[in-house]
């Protein structure tokens, strides 16, 4: 599922270094922080995870910079496949 046009514009602003709250406000979107959702495996919820940000129903994630890049990418892919929502990965630090 692709992101809506307003979410795409928020992501573009984040890529330019804009603050997440400012980017969302400019697009009229609410930004929720620390959202708890269920992660699924084989269609069944298996655990609860806390997402750092959710914008218009899209999880906004970043790679973990404290581990090797390949490990961070594997973790992102695993989490994205377990969520019942679209996931957008931002590759630069997000401020909010």
PDB file of N, CA and C in Angstrom:
ATOM      1  N   UNK A   1       0.844  -1.172   0.000  1.00  0.00           N
ATOM      2  CA  UNK A   1       0.000   0.000   0.000  1.00  0.00           C
ATOM      3  C   UNK A   1       0.890   1.235   0.000  1.00  0.00           C
ATOM      4  N   UNK A   2       0.599   2.145  -0.872  1.00  0.00           N
ATOM      5  CA  UNK A   2       1.412   3.356  -0.938  1.00  0.00           C
ATOM      6  C   UNK A   2       0.831   4.421  -0.012  1.00  0.00           C
ATOM      7  N   UNK A   3       1.690   5.354   0.347  1.00  0.00           N
ATOM      8  CA  UNK A   3       1.294   6.426   1.248  1.00  0.00           C
ATOM      9  C   UNK A   3       0.410   7.432   0.503  1.00  0.00           C
ATOM     10  N   UNK A   4      -0.481   8.053   1.244  1.00  0.00           N
ATOM     11  CA  UNK A   4      -1.323   9.104   0.662  1.00  0.00           C
ATOM     12  C   UNK A   4      -0.440  10.298   0.301  1.00  0.00           C
ATOM     13  N   UNK A   5      -0.963  11.184  -0.539  1.00  0.00           N
ATOM     14  CA  UNK A   5      -0.188  12.356  -0.968  1.00  0.00           C
ATOM     15  C   UNK A   5       0.274  13.210   0.216  1.00  0.00           C
ATOM     16  N   UNK A   6      -0.584  13.485   1.229  1.00  0.00           N
ATOM     17  CA  UNK A   6      -0.096  14.274   2.363  1.00  0.00           C
ATOM     18  C   UNK A   6       1.024  13.573   3.140  1.00  0.00           C
ATOM     19  N   UNK A   7       0.919  12.252   3.313  1.00  0.00           N
ATOM     20  CA  UNK A   7       1.972  11.515   4.013  1.00  0.00           C
ATOM     21  C   UNK A   7       3.259  11.540   3.198  1.00  0.00           C
ATOM     22  N   UNK A   8       3.137  11.403   1.889  1.00  0.00           N
ATOM     23  CA  UNK A   8       4.305  11.469   1.015  1.00  0.00           C
ATOM     24  C   UNK A   8       5.000  12.815   1.138  1.00  0.00           C
ATOM     25  N   UNK A   9       4.211  13.886   1.226  1.00  0.00           N
ATOM     26  CA  UNK A   9       4.810  15.216   1.389  1.00  0.00           C
ATOM     27  C   UNK A   9       5.473  15.363   2.764  1.00  0.00           C
ATOM     28  N   UNK A  10       4.878  14.774   3.796  1.00  0.00           N
ATOM     29  CA  UNK A  10       5.516  14.790   5.128  1.00  0.00           C
ATOM     30  C   UNK A  10       6.854  14.068   5.058  1.00  0.00           C
ATOM     31  N   UNK A  11       6.890  12.912   4.409  1.00  0.00           N
ATOM     32  CA  UNK A  11       8.139  12.153   4.284  1.00  0.00           C
ATOM     33  C   UNK A  11       9.193  12.951   3.522  1.00  0.00           C
ATOM     34  N   UNK A  12       8.779  13.660   2.494  1.00  0.00           N
ATOM     35  CA  UNK A  12       9.720  14.489   1.730  1.00  0.00           C
ATOM     36  C   UNK A  12      10.285  15.600   2.617  1.00  0.00           C
ATOM     37  N   UNK A  13       9.440  16.191   3.437  1.00  0.00           N
ATOM     38  CA  UNK A  13       9.916  17.236   4.349  1.00  0.00           C
ATOM     39  C   UNK A  13      10.876  16.666   5.389  1.00  0.00           C
ATOM     40  N   UNK A  14      10.587  15.454   5.876  1.00  0.00           N
ATOM     41  CA  UNK A  14      11.500  14.804   6.831  1.00  0.00           C
ATOM     42  C   UNK A  14      12.857  14.542   6.184  1.00  0.00           C
ATOM     43  N   UNK A  15      12.840  14.118   4.938  1.00  0.00           N
ATOM     44  CA  UNK A  15      14.087  13.844   4.212  1.00  0.00           C
ATOM     45  C   UNK A  15      14.930  15.105   4.068  1.00  0.00           C
ATOM     46  N   UNK A  16      14.279  16.265   4.086  1.00  0.00           N
ATOM     47  CA  UNK A  16      14.991  17.539   4.001  1.00  0.00           C
ATOM     48  C   UNK A  16      15.427  18.040   5.374  1.00  0.00           C
ATOM     49  N   UNK A  17      15.077  17.290   6.424  1.00  0.00           N
ATOM     50  CA  UNK A  17      15.496  17.661   7.769  1.00  0.00           C
ATOM     51  C   UNK A  17      14.468  18.413   8.581  1.00  0.00           C
ATOM     52  N   UNK A  18      13.242  18.543   8.067  1.00  0.00           N
ATOM     53  CA  UNK A  18      12.200  19.235   8.818  1.00  0.00           C
ATOM     54  C   UNK A  18      11.776  18.428  10.041  1.00  0.00           C
ATOM     55  N   UNK A  19      11.246  19.097  11.027  1.00  0.00           N
ATOM     56  CA  UNK A  19      10.695  18.492  12.230  1.00  0.00           C
ATOM     57  C   UNK A  19       9.387  17.780  11.872  1.00  0.00           C
ATOM     58  N   UNK A  20       9.164  16.604  12.445  1.00  0.00           N
ATOM     59  CA  UNK A  20       7.976  15.810  12.132  1.00  0.00           C
ATOM     60  C   UNK A  20       6.691  16.555  12.487  1.00  0.00           C
ATOM     61  N   UNK A  21       6.634  17.166  13.652  1.00  0.00           N
ATOM     62  CA  UNK A  21       5.424  17.880  14.064  1.00  0.00           C
ATOM     63  C   UNK A  21       5.129  19.039  13.122  1.00  0.00           C
ATOM     64  N   UNK A  22       6.158  19.764  12.700  1.00  0.00           N
ATOM     65  CA  UNK A  22       5.982  20.888  11.778  1.00  0.00           C
ATOM     66  C   UNK A  22       5.509  20.382  10.422  1.00  0.00           C
ATOM     67  N   UNK A  23       6.122  19.298   9.934  1.00  0.00           N
ATOM     68  CA  UNK A  23       5.741  18.735   8.635  1.00  0.00           C
ATOM     69  C   UNK A  23       4.292  18.250   8.661  1.00  0.00           C
ATOM     70  N   UNK A  24       3.893  17.591   9.737  1.00  0.00           N
ATOM     71  CA  UNK A  24       2.511  17.108   9.843  1.00  0.00           C
ATOM     72  C   UNK A  24       1.534  18.270   9.933  1.00  0.00           C
ATOM     73  N   UNK A  25       1.874  19.276  10.708  1.00  0.00           N
ATOM     74  CA  UNK A  25       1.019  20.447  10.848  1.00  0.00           C
ATOM     75  C   UNK A  25       0.813  21.137   9.501  1.00  0.00           C
ATOM     76  N   UNK A  26       1.868  21.234   8.714  1.00  0.00           N
ATOM     77  CA  UNK A  26       1.782  21.880   7.402  1.00  0.00           C
ATOM     78  C   UNK A  26       0.827  21.131   6.468  1.00  0.00           C
ATOM     79  N   UNK A  27       0.704  19.825   6.682  1.00  0.00           N
ATOM     80  CA  UNK A  27      -0.178  19.010   5.843  1.00  0.00           C
ATOM     81  C   UNK A  27      -1.532  18.751   6.491  1.00  0.00           C
ATOM     82  N   UNK A  28      -1.738  19.282   7.687  1.00  0.00           N
ATOM     83  CA  UNK A  28      -3.007  19.078   8.381  1.00  0.00           C
ATOM     84  C   UNK A  28      -3.195  17.669   8.912  1.00  0.00           C
ATOM     85  N   UNK A  29      -2.080  16.977   9.187  1.00  0.00           N
ATOM     86  CA  UNK A  29      -2.142  15.607   9.698  1.00  0.00           C
ATOM     87  C   UNK A  29      -1.753  15.562  11.168  1.00  0.00           C
ATOM     88  N   UNK A  30      -2.415  14.699  11.911  1.00  0.00           N
ATOM     89  CA  UNK A  30      -2.052  14.498  13.310  1.00  0.00           C
ATOM     90  C   UNK A  30      -0.865  13.541  13.385  1.00  0.00           C
ATOM     91  N   UNK A  31       0.003  13.800  14.308  1.00  0.00           N
ATOM     92  CA  UNK A  31       1.162  12.935  14.551  1.00  0.00           C
ATOM     93  C   UNK A  31       1.009  12.350  15.942  1.00  0.00           C
ATOM     94  N   UNK A  32       0.874  11.040  16.015  1.00  0.00           N
ATOM     95  CA  UNK A  32       0.748  10.372  17.301  1.00  0.00           C
ATOM     96  C   UNK A  32       2.100   9.797  17.684  1.00  0.00           C
ATOM     97  N   UNK A  33       2.446   9.923  18.933  1.00  0.00           N
ATOM     98  CA  UNK A  33       3.741   9.446  19.408  1.00  0.00           C
ATOM     99  C   UNK A  33       3.535   8.267  20.350  1.00  0.00           C
ATOM    100  N   UNK A  34       4.471   7.316  20.316  1.00  0.00           N
ATOM    101  CA  UNK A  34       4.452   6.145  21.205  1.00  0.00           C
ATOM    102  C   UNK A  34       3.110   5.410  21.158  1.00  0.00           C
ATOM    103  N   UNK A  35       2.755   4.957  19.974  1.00  0.00           N
ATOM    104  CA  UNK A  35       1.485   4.260  19.741  1.00  0.00           C
ATOM    105  C   UNK A  35       1.697   2.758  19.926  1.00  0.00           C
ATOM    106  N   UNK A  36       0.869   2.161  20.761  1.00  0.00           N
ATOM    107  CA  UNK A  36       0.964   0.718  21.007  1.00  0.00           C
ATOM    108  C   UNK A  36       0.035  -0.020  20.047  1.00  0.00           C
ATOM    109  N   UNK A  37       0.596  -0.991  19.335  1.00  0.00           N
ATOM    110  CA  UNK A  37      -0.181  -1.804  18.393  1.00  0.00           C
ATOM    111  C   UNK A  37       0.239  -3.262  18.550  1.00  0.00           C
ATOM    112  N   UNK A  38      -0.586  -4.153  18.018  1.00  0.00           N
ATOM    113  CA  UNK A  38      -0.256  -5.574  18.043  1.00  0.00           C
ATOM    114  C   UNK A  38       0.596  -5.934  16.839  1.00  0.00           C
ATOM    115  N   UNK A  39       1.620  -6.731  17.067  1.00  0.00           N
ATOM    116  CA  UNK A  39       2.382  -7.346  15.990  1.00  0.00           C
ATOM    117  C   UNK A  39       1.752  -8.722  15.753  1.00  0.00           C
ATOM    118  N   UNK A  40       1.712  -9.128  14.485  1.00  0.00           N
ATOM    119  CA  UNK A  40       1.047 -10.381  14.119  1.00  0.00           C
ATOM    120  C   UNK A  40       2.020 -11.387  13.513  1.00  0.00           C
ATOM    121  N   UNK A  41       1.697 -12.644  13.704  1.00  0.00           N
ATOM    122  CA  UNK A  41       2.405 -13.728  13.025  1.00  0.00           C
ATOM    123  C   UNK A  41       1.342 -14.718  12.582  1.00  0.00           C
ATOM    124  N   UNK A  42       1.367 -15.064  11.326  1.00  0.00           N
ATOM    125  CA  UNK A  42       0.401 -16.014  10.772  1.00  0.00           C
ATOM    126  C   UNK A  42      -1.028 -15.540  11.033  1.00  0.00           C
ATOM    127  N   UNK A  43      -1.225 -14.217  10.953  1.00  0.00           N
ATOM    128  CA  UNK A  43      -2.547 -13.643  11.102  1.00  0.00           C
ATOM    129  C   UNK A  43      -3.048 -13.487  12.523  1.00  0.00           C
ATOM    130  N   UNK A  44      -2.219 -13.838  13.497  1.00  0.00           N
ATOM    131  CA  UNK A  44      -2.649 -13.761  14.890  1.00  0.00           C
ATOM    132  C   UNK A  44      -1.747 -12.801  15.662  1.00  0.00           C
ATOM    133  N   UNK A  45      -2.328 -11.989  16.562  1.00  0.00           N
ATOM    134  CA  UNK A  45      -1.491 -11.092  17.361  1.00  0.00           C
ATOM    135  C   UNK A  45      -0.589 -11.901  18.297  1.00  0.00           C
ATOM    136  N   UNK A  46       0.678 -11.535  18.351  1.00  0.00           N
ATOM    137  CA  UNK A  46       1.620 -12.274  19.188  1.00  0.00           C
ATOM    138  C   UNK A  46       2.241 -11.414  20.284  1.00  0.00           C
ATOM    139  N   UNK A  47       2.318 -10.113  20.061  1.00  0.00           N
ATOM    140  CA  UNK A  47       2.865  -9.237  21.090  1.00  0.00           C
ATOM    141  C   UNK A  47       2.492  -7.796  20.766  1.00  0.00           C
ATOM    142  N   UNK A  48       2.659  -6.957  21.748  1.00  0.00           N
ATOM    143  CA  UNK A  48       2.396  -5.535  21.564  1.00  0.00           C
ATOM    144  C   UNK A  48       3.726  -4.827  21.372  1.00  0.00           C
ATOM    145  N   UNK A  49       3.774  -3.926  20.401  1.00  0.00           N
ATOM    146  CA  UNK A  49       4.969  -3.109  20.172  1.00  0.00           C
ATOM    147  C   UNK A  49       4.566  -1.643  20.259  1.00  0.00           C
ATOM    148  N   UNK A  50       5.524  -0.806  20.602  1.00  0.00           N
ATOM    149  CA  UNK A  50       5.295   0.629  20.659  1.00  0.00           C
ATOM    150  C   UNK A  50       5.999   1.272  19.478  1.00  0.00           C
ATOM    151  N   UNK A  51       5.219   1.912  18.636  1.00  0.00           N
ATOM    152  CA  UNK A  51       5.761   2.600  17.461  1.00  0.00           C
ATOM    153  C   UNK A  51       6.116   4.028  17.856  1.00  0.00           C
ATOM    154  N   UNK A  52       7.268   4.522  17.410  1.00  0.00           N
ATOM    155  CA  UNK A  52       7.664   5.874  17.818  1.00  0.00           C
ATOM    156  C   UNK A  52       6.708   6.945  17.307  1.00  0.00           C
ATOM    157  N   UNK A  53       6.214   6.795  16.059  1.00  0.00           N
ATOM    158  CA  UNK A  53       5.296   7.777  15.475  1.00  0.00           C
ATOM    159  C   UNK A  53       4.338   7.089  14.526  1.00  0.00           C
ATOM    160  N   UNK A  54       3.110   7.591  14.501  1.00  0.00           N
ATOM    161  CA  UNK A  54       2.120   7.165  13.511  1.00  0.00           C
ATOM    162  C   UNK A  54       1.515   8.431  12.929  1.00  0.00           C
ATOM    163  N   UNK A  55       1.548   8.517  11.607  1.00  0.00           N
ATOM    164  CA  UNK A  55       1.006   9.666  10.885  1.00  0.00           C
ATOM    165  C   UNK A  55      -0.029   9.152   9.887  1.00  0.00           C
ATOM    166  N   UNK A  56      -1.270   9.567  10.068  1.00  0.00           N
ATOM    167  CA  UNK A  56      -2.340   9.189   9.150  1.00  0.00           C
ATOM    168  C   UNK A  56      -2.392   7.680   8.910  1.00  0.00           C
ATOM    169  N   UNK A  57      -2.255   6.903   9.976  1.00  0.00           N
ATOM    170  CA  UNK A  57      -2.324   5.448   9.874  1.00  0.00           C
ATOM    171  C   UNK A  57      -1.073   4.770   9.357  1.00  0.00           C
ATOM    172  N   UNK A  58       0.017   5.522   9.182  1.00  0.00           N
ATOM    173  CA  UNK A  58       1.289   4.977   8.701  1.00  0.00           C
ATOM    174  C   UNK A  58       2.313   4.990   9.839  1.00  0.00           C
ATOM    175  N   UNK A  59       2.935   3.852  10.074  1.00  0.00           N
ATOM    176  CA  UNK A  59       4.014   3.798  11.055  1.00  0.00           C
ATOM    177  C   UNK A  59       5.243   4.470  10.456  1.00  0.00           C
ATOM    178  N   UNK A  60       5.845   5.378  11.199  1.00  0.00           N
ATOM    179  CA  UNK A  60       7.070   6.048  10.757  1.00  0.00           C
ATOM    180  C   UNK A  60       8.214   5.457  11.580  1.00  0.00           C
ATOM    181  N   UNK A  61       9.108   4.743  10.912  1.00  0.00           N
ATOM    182  CA  UNK A  61      10.204   4.050  11.586  1.00  0.00           C
ATOM    183  C   UNK A  61      11.551   4.529  11.067  1.00  0.00           C
ATOM    184  N   UNK A  62      12.585   4.275  11.853  1.00  0.00           N
ATOM    185  CA  UNK A  62      13.968   4.574  11.467  1.00  0.00           C
ATOM    186  C   UNK A  62      14.812   3.338  11.749  1.00  0.00           C
ATOM    187  N   UNK A  63      15.881   3.127  10.985  1.00  0.00           N
ATOM    188  CA  UNK A  63      16.793   2.031  11.312  1.00  0.00           C
ATOM    189  C   UNK A  63      17.479   2.295  12.647  1.00  0.00           C
ATOM    190  N   UNK A  64      17.775   1.240  13.366  1.00  0.00           N
ATOM    191  CA  UNK A  64      18.496   1.337  14.636  1.00  0.00           C
ATOM    192  C   UNK A  64      19.966   1.597  14.333  1.00  0.00           C
ATOM    193  N   UNK A  65      20.447   2.759  14.674  1.00  0.00           N
ATOM    194  CA  UNK A  65      21.827   3.137  14.390  1.00  0.00           C
ATOM    195  C   UNK A  65      22.850   2.525  15.325  1.00  0.00           C
ATOM    196  N   UNK A  66      22.397   1.767  16.326  1.00  0.00           N
ATOM    197  CA  UNK A  66      23.338   1.180  17.284  1.00  0.00           C
ATOM    198  C   UNK A  66      23.776  -0.231  16.908  1.00  0.00           C
ATOM    199  N   UNK A  67      23.218  -0.754  15.806  1.00  0.00           N
ATOM    200  CA  UNK A  67      23.591  -2.096  15.360  1.00  0.00           C
ATOM    201  C   UNK A  67      24.051  -2.022  13.914  1.00  0.00           C
ATOM    202  N   UNK A  68      24.623  -3.097  13.426  1.00  0.00           N
ATOM    203  CA  UNK A  68      25.077  -3.151  12.030  1.00  0.00           C
ATOM    204  C   UNK A  68      23.899  -2.881  11.086  1.00  0.00           C
ATOM    205  N   UNK A  69      24.179  -2.228   9.973  1.00  0.00           N
ATOM    206  CA  UNK A  69      23.138  -1.837   9.015  1.00  0.00           C
ATOM    207  C   UNK A  69      22.300  -3.035   8.559  1.00  0.00           C
ATOM    208  N   UNK A  70      22.943  -4.161   8.311  1.00  0.00           N
ATOM    209  CA  UNK A  70      22.206  -5.342   7.853  1.00  0.00           C
ATOM    210  C   UNK A  70      21.235  -5.832   8.932  1.00  0.00           C
ATOM    211  N   UNK A  71      21.653  -5.780  10.175  1.00  0.00           N
ATOM    212  CA  UNK A  71      20.788  -6.186  11.285  1.00  0.00           C
ATOM    213  C   UNK A  71      19.616  -5.214  11.407  1.00  0.00           C
ATOM    214  N   UNK A  72      19.900  -3.925  11.298  1.00  0.00           N
ATOM    215  CA  UNK A  72      18.844  -2.917  11.389  1.00  0.00           C
ATOM    216  C   UNK A  72      17.815  -3.117  10.282  1.00  0.00           C
ATOM    217  N   UNK A  73      18.266  -3.406   9.068  1.00  0.00           N
ATOM    218  CA  UNK A  73      17.342  -3.614   7.955  1.00  0.00           C
ATOM    219  C   UNK A  73      16.500  -4.874   8.156  1.00  0.00           C
ATOM    220  N   UNK A  74      17.105  -5.929   8.672  1.00  0.00           N
ATOM    221  CA  UNK A  74      16.360  -7.161   8.962  1.00  0.00           C
ATOM    222  C   UNK A  74      15.272  -6.898  10.001  1.00  0.00           C
ATOM    223  N   UNK A  75      15.615  -6.137  11.025  1.00  0.00           N
ATOM    224  CA  UNK A  75      14.642  -5.811  12.073  1.00  0.00           C
ATOM    225  C   UNK A  75      13.487  -4.993  11.506  1.00  0.00           C
ATOM    226  N   UNK A  76      13.805  -4.009  10.662  1.00  0.00           N
ATOM    227  CA  UNK A  76      12.750  -3.201  10.051  1.00  0.00           C
ATOM    228  C   UNK A  76      11.833  -4.057   9.185  1.00  0.00           C
ATOM    229  N   UNK A  77      12.412  -4.926   8.387  1.00  0.00           N
ATOM    230  CA  UNK A  77      11.616  -5.795   7.514  1.00  0.00           C
ATOM    231  C   UNK A  77      10.724  -6.718   8.333  1.00  0.00           C
ATOM    232  N   UNK A  78      11.261  -7.254   9.415  1.00  0.00           N
ATOM    233  CA  UNK A  78      10.490  -8.146  10.272  1.00  0.00           C
ATOM    234  C   UNK A  78       9.329  -7.401  10.923  1.00  0.00           C
ATOM    235  N   UNK A  79       9.601  -6.221  11.443  1.00  0.00           N
ATOM    236  CA  UNK A  79       8.541  -5.440  12.073  1.00  0.00           C
ATOM    237  C   UNK A  79       7.494  -5.027  11.049  1.00  0.00           C
ATOM    238  N   UNK A  80       7.926  -4.584   9.885  1.00  0.00           N
ATOM    239  CA  UNK A  80       6.978  -4.164   8.848  1.00  0.00           C
ATOM    240  C   UNK A  80       6.050  -5.304   8.451  1.00  0.00           C
ATOM    241  N   UNK A  81       6.581  -6.510   8.363  1.00  0.00           N
ATOM    242  CA  UNK A  81       5.736  -7.645   7.972  1.00  0.00           C
ATOM    243  C   UNK A  81       4.774  -8.052   9.087  1.00  0.00           C
ATOM    244  N   UNK A  82       5.077  -7.682  10.326  1.00  0.00           N
ATOM    245  CA  UNK A  82       4.231  -8.060  11.457  1.00  0.00           C
ATOM    246  C   UNK A  82       3.149  -7.025  11.766  1.00  0.00           C
ATOM    247  N   UNK A  83       3.233  -5.854  11.160  1.00  0.00           N
ATOM    248  CA  UNK A  83       2.262  -4.803  11.453  1.00  0.00           C
ATOM    249  C   UNK A  83       1.107  -4.840  10.463  1.00  0.00           C
ATOM    250  N   UNK A  84      -0.064  -4.547  10.968  1.00  0.00           N
ATOM    251  CA  UNK A  84      -1.257  -4.500  10.120  1.00  0.00           C
ATOM    252  C   UNK A  84      -1.519  -3.055   9.690  1.00  0.00           C
ATOM    253  N   UNK A  85      -0.452  -2.374   9.269  1.00  0.00           N
ATOM    254  CA  UNK A  85      -0.560  -0.991   8.813  1.00  0.00           C
ATOM    255  C   UNK A  85       0.606  -0.698   7.896  1.00  0.00           C
ATOM    256  N   UNK A  86       0.485   0.318   7.046  1.00  0.00           N
ATOM    257  CA  UNK A  86       1.608   0.687   6.186  1.00  0.00           C
ATOM    258  C   UNK A  86       2.778   1.211   7.022  1.00  0.00           C
ATOM    259  N   UNK A  87       3.986   0.950   6.544  1.00  0.00           N
ATOM    260  CA  UNK A  87       5.201   1.366   7.231  1.00  0.00           C
ATOM    261  C   UNK A  87       6.025   2.245   6.302  1.00  0.00           C
ATOM    262  N   UNK A  88       6.488   3.370   6.818  1.00  0.00           N
ATOM    263  CA  UNK A  88       7.382   4.262   6.089  1.00  0.00           C
ATOM    264  C   UNK A  88       8.687   4.337   6.875  1.00  0.00           C
ATOM    265  N   UNK A  89       9.798   4.108   6.198  1.00  0.00           N
ATOM    266  CA  UNK A  89      11.104   4.149   6.850  1.00  0.00           C
ATOM    267  C   UNK A  89      11.790   5.449   6.474  1.00  0.00           C
ATOM    268  N   UNK A  90      12.225   6.177   7.492  1.00  0.00           N
ATOM    269  CA  UNK A  90      12.945   7.431   7.310  1.00  0.00           C
ATOM    270  C   UNK A  90      14.404   7.164   7.649  1.00  0.00           C
ATOM    271  N   UNK A  91      15.293   7.492   6.734  1.00  0.00           N
ATOM    272  CA  UNK A  91      16.696   7.121   6.886  1.00  0.00           C
ATOM    273  C   UNK A  91      17.565   8.215   7.514  1.00  0.00           C
ATOM    274  N   UNK A  92      16.965   9.284   7.985  1.00  0.00           N
ATOM    275  CA  UNK A  92      17.735  10.303   8.694  1.00  0.00           C
ATOM    276  C   UNK A  92      17.040  10.576  10.028  1.00  0.00           C
ATOM    277  N   UNK A  93      17.722  11.137  10.996  1.00  0.00           N
ATOM    278  CA  UNK A  93      17.108  11.361  12.304  1.00  0.00           C
ATOM    279  C   UNK A  93      15.810  12.165  12.218  1.00  0.00           C
ATOM    280  N   UNK A  94      14.820  11.724  12.949  1.00  0.00           N
ATOM    281  CA  UNK A  94      13.532  12.402  12.981  1.00  0.00           C
ATOM    282  C   UNK A  94      13.418  13.143  14.300  1.00  0.00           C
ATOM    283  N   UNK A  95      13.057  14.407  14.227  1.00  0.00           N
ATOM    284  CA  UNK A  95      12.797  15.183  15.430  1.00  0.00           C
ATOM    285  C   UNK A  95      11.312  15.509  15.472  1.00  0.00           C
ATOM    286  N   UNK A  96      10.789  15.568  16.679  1.00  0.00           N
ATOM    287  CA  UNK A  96       9.368  15.898  16.806  1.00  0.00           C
ATOM    288  C   UNK A  96       9.123  16.718  18.047  1.00  0.00           C
TER     289      UNK A  96
END
